Amino acid sequence: MLSPGATAYRGVTLRYGLDPERLGPALAARAQWLDADPSTRAWIDHALEHPHSGWRLAARSALSGVMSDYDANGLLGTHDMRVLGAAQWRTLLGERMAGNLLDVGAGDGHVTTELLAAMNPAGNVVTTELSPKMAARLRERGYRCHELDLATQALPEPGLFDVIAMLNVLDRSAKPLTLLERLRDLLAPGGRLLLAVPLPLSPHVHVGTLTLEPDERLPMDDRSFEHAARTLTELCFEPLGLEVCSLSRAPYLCRGSAKRPVVVLDDSVFVLARR
């Protein structure tokens, strides 16, 4: 039986529901509900009807023994992921569409493309990515990409950004608190930080073929999705001077194996502003 706010589509469970009592009054007032829109269903249709071939999956498994999963996926083109579609991003951003975009840990650029479709394309577009193979994919798509970790290195780009996206990166960063602080300082006045994090948290860092513990610990509460979101808000975002404009729950969709073509995680999607 599906929980409230959940939808089943072609055997894939998509969770959008939030429990206001667990969120608490302040965060519940900022909750914005999304749904399984046509573009989400179309992504699932394509993933189910065009699964990765057996040889590609076998190659990815073999390469993962000698390089990071990110590089293996970037080399083979097997990392198509989805958070939200352009129409959903427009819903969350409202009228704040124009200006410069920074996409941190942009992967192969699928999500960057969705974000740009929701914005004025006249702005400056910059991406960062630690995986050389993923960075190559971004450049093939025409995006300017810097291979660096913004938690420890300065961005070689002048100016501030109206929209900064960091989607499913925070829980894979060695220094997530420092990274958030750096991104806060890169926001233009009135700018928005789009942050997606799978909840409850399971932080770890990939370094080559190794999986390590992060240097900095995010505040965690694994009792429920809502408890985890509230803890992040009160013990992480607010002390850093970041205000939650809206919180949504949405499925984080990734391409998987032949037996499980679509992998789903529960993503929190925060729209944050500098207080």
Protein backbone atom coordinates (compact mmCIF):
# COMPACT_ATOMS: atom_id res chain seq x y z
CA MET A 1 0.00 0.00 0.00
CA LEU A 2 1.35 3.42 -1.00
CA SER A 3 1.80 6.13 1.62
CA PRO A 4 0.02 9.49 1.19
CA GLY A 5 1.69 11.64 -1.42
CA ALA A 6 3.18 8.65 -3.27
CA THR A 7 2.49 7.60 -6.85
CA ALA A 8 3.26 4.33 -8.60
CA TYR A 9 4.10 4.56 -12.28
CA ARG A 10 5.09 1.47 -14.28
CA GLY A 11 6.28 -0.25 -11.12
CA VAL A 12 8.33 2.74 -9.94
CA THR A 13 7.28 4.33 -6.64
CA LEU A 14 7.54 8.12 -6.65
CA ARG A 15 7.26 9.82 -3.26
CA TYR A 16 6.25 13.47 -2.98
CA GLY A 17 4.39 13.52 0.36
CA LEU A 18 5.50 15.44 3.46
CA ASP A 19 4.23 15.12 7.03
CA PRO A 20 3.65 18.67 8.38
CA GLU A 21 3.73 17.56 12.03
CA ARG A 22 7.18 16.02 11.68
CA LEU A 23 8.44 19.07 9.79
CA GLY A 24 7.33 21.48 12.50
CA PRO A 25 5.30 24.66 11.93
CA ALA A 26 8.08 26.86 10.48
CA LEU A 27 9.26 24.39 7.83
CA ALA A 28 5.76 23.08 7.08
CA ALA A 29 4.74 26.64 6.15
CA ARG A 30 7.42 26.61 3.45
CA ALA A 31 6.63 23.15 2.06
CA GLN A 32 5.81 23.09 -1.64
CA TRP A 33 4.28 19.90 -3.03
CA LEU A 34 5.23 18.58 -6.44
CA ASP A 35 3.87 15.63 -8.39
CA ALA A 36 4.72 13.09 -11.07
CA ASP A 37 4.51 15.48 -14.01
CA PRO A 38 4.53 14.33 -17.68
CA SER A 39 8.27 14.91 -18.09
CA THR A 40 9.03 12.64 -15.10
CA ARG A 41 6.86 9.90 -16.57
CA ALA A 42 8.53 10.38 -19.97
CA TRP A 43 11.98 9.94 -18.37
CA ILE A 44 10.84 6.68 -16.75
CA ASP A 45 9.30 5.49 -20.04
CA HIS A 46 12.60 6.05 -21.85
CA ALA A 47 14.67 4.36 -19.12
CA LEU A 48 12.42 1.28 -19.11
CA GLU A 49 12.15 1.02 -22.88
CA HIS A 50 15.83 1.73 -23.61
CA PRO A 51 17.83 0.06 -20.80
CA HIS A 52 21.60 0.05 -20.90
CA SER A 53 22.98 -2.88 -22.87
CA GLY A 54 24.59 -5.85 -21.14
CA TRP A 55 28.05 -5.06 -22.49
CA ARG A 56 27.83 -1.47 -21.24
CA LEU A 57 26.86 -2.59 -17.75
CA ALA A 58 29.60 -5.22 -17.74
CA ALA A 59 32.12 -2.59 -18.82
CA ARG A 60 30.98 -0.26 -16.05
CA SER A 61 31.40 -3.02 -13.47
CA ALA A 62 34.91 -3.79 -14.72
CA LEU A 63 35.98 -0.14 -14.86
CA SER A 64 34.73 0.48 -11.31
CA GLY A 65 37.59 -1.69 -10.11
CA VAL A 66 40.21 0.70 -11.50
CA MET A 67 38.51 4.12 -11.39
CA SER A 68 35.75 5.93 -9.55
CA ASP A 69 32.10 5.16 -10.31
CA TYR A 70 31.78 8.74 -11.58
CA ASP A 71 34.60 8.31 -14.09
CA ALA A 72 33.27 4.92 -15.19
CA ASN A 73 29.80 6.36 -15.75
CA GLY A 74 31.22 9.43 -17.47
CA LEU A 75 33.34 7.35 -19.80
CA LEU A 76 30.46 5.07 -20.80
CA GLY A 77 27.61 7.58 -20.67
CA THR A 78 25.67 5.57 -18.09
CA HIS A 79 24.88 8.29 -15.55
CA ASP A 80 21.66 9.81 -16.85
CA MET A 81 19.96 11.17 -13.71
CA ARG A 82 16.88 13.25 -13.03
CA VAL A 83 15.78 15.48 -10.19
CA LEU A 84 13.13 17.84 -11.59
CA GLY A 85 12.00 18.97 -15.01
CA ALA A 86 12.11 22.53 -16.32
CA ALA A 87 8.46 23.24 -15.45
CA GLN A 88 9.01 22.08 -11.86
CA TRP A 89 12.11 24.24 -11.50
CA ARG A 90 10.08 27.21 -12.74
CA THR A 91 7.45 26.45 -10.09
CA LEU A 92 10.07 26.50 -7.33
CA LEU A 93 11.96 29.54 -8.60
CA GLY A 94 8.91 31.63 -9.43
CA GLU A 95 9.93 34.70 -11.42
CA ARG A 96 13.63 34.45 -10.55
CA MET A 97 14.75 33.05 -13.89
CA ALA A 98 17.22 35.47 -15.40
CA GLY A 99 20.90 35.82 -14.55
CA ASN A 100 23.99 33.71 -14.01
CA LEU A 101 23.93 29.99 -13.18
CA LEU A 102 26.53 27.94 -11.32
CA ASP A 103 25.96 24.17 -11.26
CA VAL A 104 28.23 22.51 -8.68
CA GLY A 105 29.08 18.85 -9.30
CA ALA A 106 27.11 18.97 -12.53
CA GLY A 107 27.75 15.37 -13.59
CA ASP A 108 27.21 14.86 -17.31
CA GLY A 109 24.98 17.93 -17.72
CA HIS A 110 21.51 16.37 -17.97
CA VAL A 111 20.27 18.30 -14.95
CA THR A 112 22.05 21.51 -16.04
CA THR A 113 20.10 21.37 -19.28
CA GLU A 114 16.79 21.09 -17.39
CA LEU A 115 17.73 24.07 -15.22
CA LEU A 116 18.66 26.21 -18.21
CA ALA A 117 15.31 25.44 -19.82
CA ALA A 118 13.73 27.11 -16.77
CA MET A 119 15.95 30.20 -16.92
CA ASN A 120 16.87 33.05 -19.20
CA PRO A 121 19.69 31.54 -21.31
CA ALA A 122 21.37 34.94 -21.71
CA GLY A 123 23.10 34.57 -18.35
CA ASN A 124 26.59 33.25 -17.67
CA VAL A 125 26.65 29.44 -17.21
CA VAL A 126 29.47 27.83 -15.22
CA THR A 127 29.80 24.24 -14.01
CA THR A 128 32.21 22.41 -11.71
CA GLU A 129 32.99 18.71 -11.61
CA LEU A 130 35.70 16.65 -9.91
CA SER A 131 35.44 13.70 -12.31
CA PRO A 132 37.55 14.30 -15.45
CA LYS A 133 35.30 12.00 -17.48
CA MET A 134 32.16 13.82 -16.39
CA ALA A 135 33.88 17.17 -17.04
CA ALA A 136 34.58 15.99 -20.58
CA ARG A 137 30.86 15.21 -21.02
CA LEU A 138 29.96 18.69 -19.82
CA ARG A 139 32.34 20.31 -22.29
CA GLU A 140 30.93 18.16 -25.10
CA ARG A 141 27.56 19.70 -24.28
CA GLY A 142 29.10 23.15 -24.54
CA TYR A 143 29.30 24.02 -20.84
CA ARG A 144 32.30 25.75 -19.33
CA CYS A 145 33.58 23.42 -16.61
CA HIS A 146 36.19 23.82 -13.88
CA GLU A 147 37.61 20.64 -12.35
CA LEU A 148 37.86 21.73 -8.73
CA ASP A 149 36.37 21.38 -5.26
CA LEU A 150 34.83 24.69 -4.22
CA ALA A 151 35.24 23.75 -0.56
CA THR A 152 39.02 24.07 -0.92
CA GLN A 153 39.60 26.00 -4.17
CA ALA A 154 38.43 29.37 -5.44
CA LEU A 155 36.29 29.59 -8.53
CA PRO A 156 38.31 31.28 -11.32
CA GLU A 157 35.26 33.27 -12.46
CA PRO A 158 34.51 36.89 -11.53
CA GLY A 159 31.20 37.97 -10.11
CA LEU A 160 28.31 36.41 -8.26
CA PHE A 161 25.54 34.03 -9.34
CA ASP A 162 21.78 34.52 -9.33
CA VAL A 163 21.13 30.78 -9.19
CA ILE A 164 23.51 28.18 -7.74
CA ALA A 165 22.54 24.52 -8.02
CA MET A 166 24.16 21.74 -6.02
CA LEU A 167 22.10 18.62 -6.57
CA ASN A 168 22.95 15.39 -4.75
CA VAL A 169 26.49 16.53 -4.01
CA LEU A 170 26.41 17.69 -0.37
CA ASP A 171 26.34 14.14 1.04
CA ARG A 172 29.32 13.22 -1.16
CA SER A 173 31.50 16.16 -0.17
CA ALA A 174 34.45 15.80 2.20
CA LYS A 175 33.77 19.30 3.61
CA PRO A 176 30.02 19.89 3.19
CA LEU A 177 29.76 22.72 5.75
CA THR A 178 32.66 24.64 4.24
CA LEU A 179 31.20 24.06 0.78
CA LEU A 180 27.84 25.54 1.79
CA GLU A 181 29.58 28.55 3.31
CA ARG A 182 31.52 29.15 0.07
CA LEU A 183 28.36 28.87 -2.04
CA ARG A 184 26.52 31.30 0.26
CA ASP A 185 29.22 33.86 -0.43
CA LEU A 186 28.87 33.36 -4.21
CA LEU A 187 25.14 34.20 -4.20
CA ALA A 188 24.15 37.52 -5.73
CA PRO A 189 21.73 39.74 -3.76
CA GLY A 190 18.32 38.09 -4.05
CA GLY A 191 19.92 34.94 -5.45
CA ARG A 192 18.79 31.40 -4.80
CA LEU A 193 20.69 28.24 -3.86
CA LEU A 194 19.01 25.06 -5.15
CA LEU A 195 20.05 22.17 -2.97
CA ALA A 196 18.98 18.54 -3.41
CA VAL A 197 19.97 15.97 -0.77
CA PRO A 198 18.77 12.35 -0.43
CA LEU A 199 17.24 11.84 3.02
CA PRO A 200 17.80 10.38 5.53
CA LEU A 201 21.49 11.14 5.05
CA SER A 202 24.13 8.54 4.25
CA PRO A 203 27.25 10.66 3.71
CA HIS A 204 30.44 9.25 2.21
CA VAL A 205 33.12 10.40 -0.22
CA HIS A 206 34.40 8.63 -3.33
CA VAL A 207 38.12 9.04 -3.97
CA GLY A 208 39.13 6.88 -6.91
CA THR A 209 38.06 3.35 -6.04
CA LEU A 210 37.95 4.15 -2.30
CA THR A 211 34.93 5.14 -0.20
CA LEU A 212 35.89 7.37 2.73
CA GLU A 213 34.22 9.18 5.61
CA PRO A 214 33.81 12.97 5.17
CA ASP A 215 36.05 15.35 7.09
CA GLU A 216 33.04 17.39 8.26
CA ARG A 217 29.85 15.86 9.63
CA LEU A 218 26.40 17.07 8.69
CA PRO A 219 23.74 17.04 11.43
CA MET A 220 21.76 13.82 10.99
CA ASP A 221 18.37 12.52 12.17
CA ASP A 222 17.33 9.23 10.60
CA ARG A 223 13.91 8.90 12.25
CA SER A 224 12.16 10.03 9.07
CA PHE A 225 12.54 12.11 5.92
CA GLU A 226 10.91 15.08 7.63
CA HIS A 227 13.02 14.83 10.79
CA ALA A 228 16.16 14.77 8.64
CA ALA A 229 15.03 17.85 6.67
CA ARG A 230 14.19 19.75 9.87
CA THR A 231 17.54 18.89 11.45
CA LEU A 232 19.45 20.07 8.37
CA THR A 233 17.47 23.31 8.41
CA GLU A 234 17.87 24.12 12.10
CA LEU A 235 21.40 22.86 12.72
CA CYS A 236 23.07 23.45 9.35
CA PHE A 237 21.39 26.00 7.08
CA GLU A 238 20.23 28.53 9.67
CA PRO A 239 23.59 28.76 11.54
CA LEU A 240 25.25 29.42 8.15
CA GLY A 241 22.88 32.29 7.43
CA LEU A 242 20.81 30.41 4.85
CA GLU A 243 17.03 30.78 4.94
CA VAL A 244 14.69 28.12 3.54
CA CYS A 245 12.35 29.67 0.95
CA SER A 246 10.76 26.34 0.09
CA LEU A 247 11.15 22.62 0.70
CA SER A 248 9.88 19.88 -1.59
CA ARG A 249 10.19 16.12 -1.73
CA ALA A 250 10.83 14.46 -5.08
CA PRO A 251 12.24 11.21 -6.44
CA TYR A 252 15.90 11.23 -7.45
CA LEU A 253 15.94 8.97 -10.51
CA CYS A 254 19.04 7.23 -11.87
CA ARG A 255 19.61 4.66 -14.57
CA GLY A 256 20.39 1.28 -13.02
CA SER A 257 20.94 -2.33 -14.09
CA ALA A 258 19.12 -4.58 -16.51
CA LYS A 259 17.06 -6.06 -13.65
CA ARG A 260 16.43 -2.67 -12.09
CA PRO A 261 16.51 -0.07 -14.88
CA VAL A 262 15.35 2.78 -12.65
CA VAL A 263 16.82 3.42 -9.18
CA VAL A 264 14.90 5.79 -6.91
CA LEU A 265 16.05 7.74 -3.85
CA ASP A 266 14.01 10.21 -1.77
CA ASP A 267 15.35 13.68 -2.48
CA SER A 268 14.79 16.80 -0.45
CA VAL A 269 14.84 19.87 -2.69
CA PHE A 270 15.56 23.10 -0.82
CA VAL A 271 15.40 26.58 -2.27
CA LEU A 272 17.65 28.68 -0.03
CA ALA A 273 18.45 32.38 0.18
CA ARG A 274 21.16 34.26 1.99
CA ARG A 275 19.63 35.84 5.07
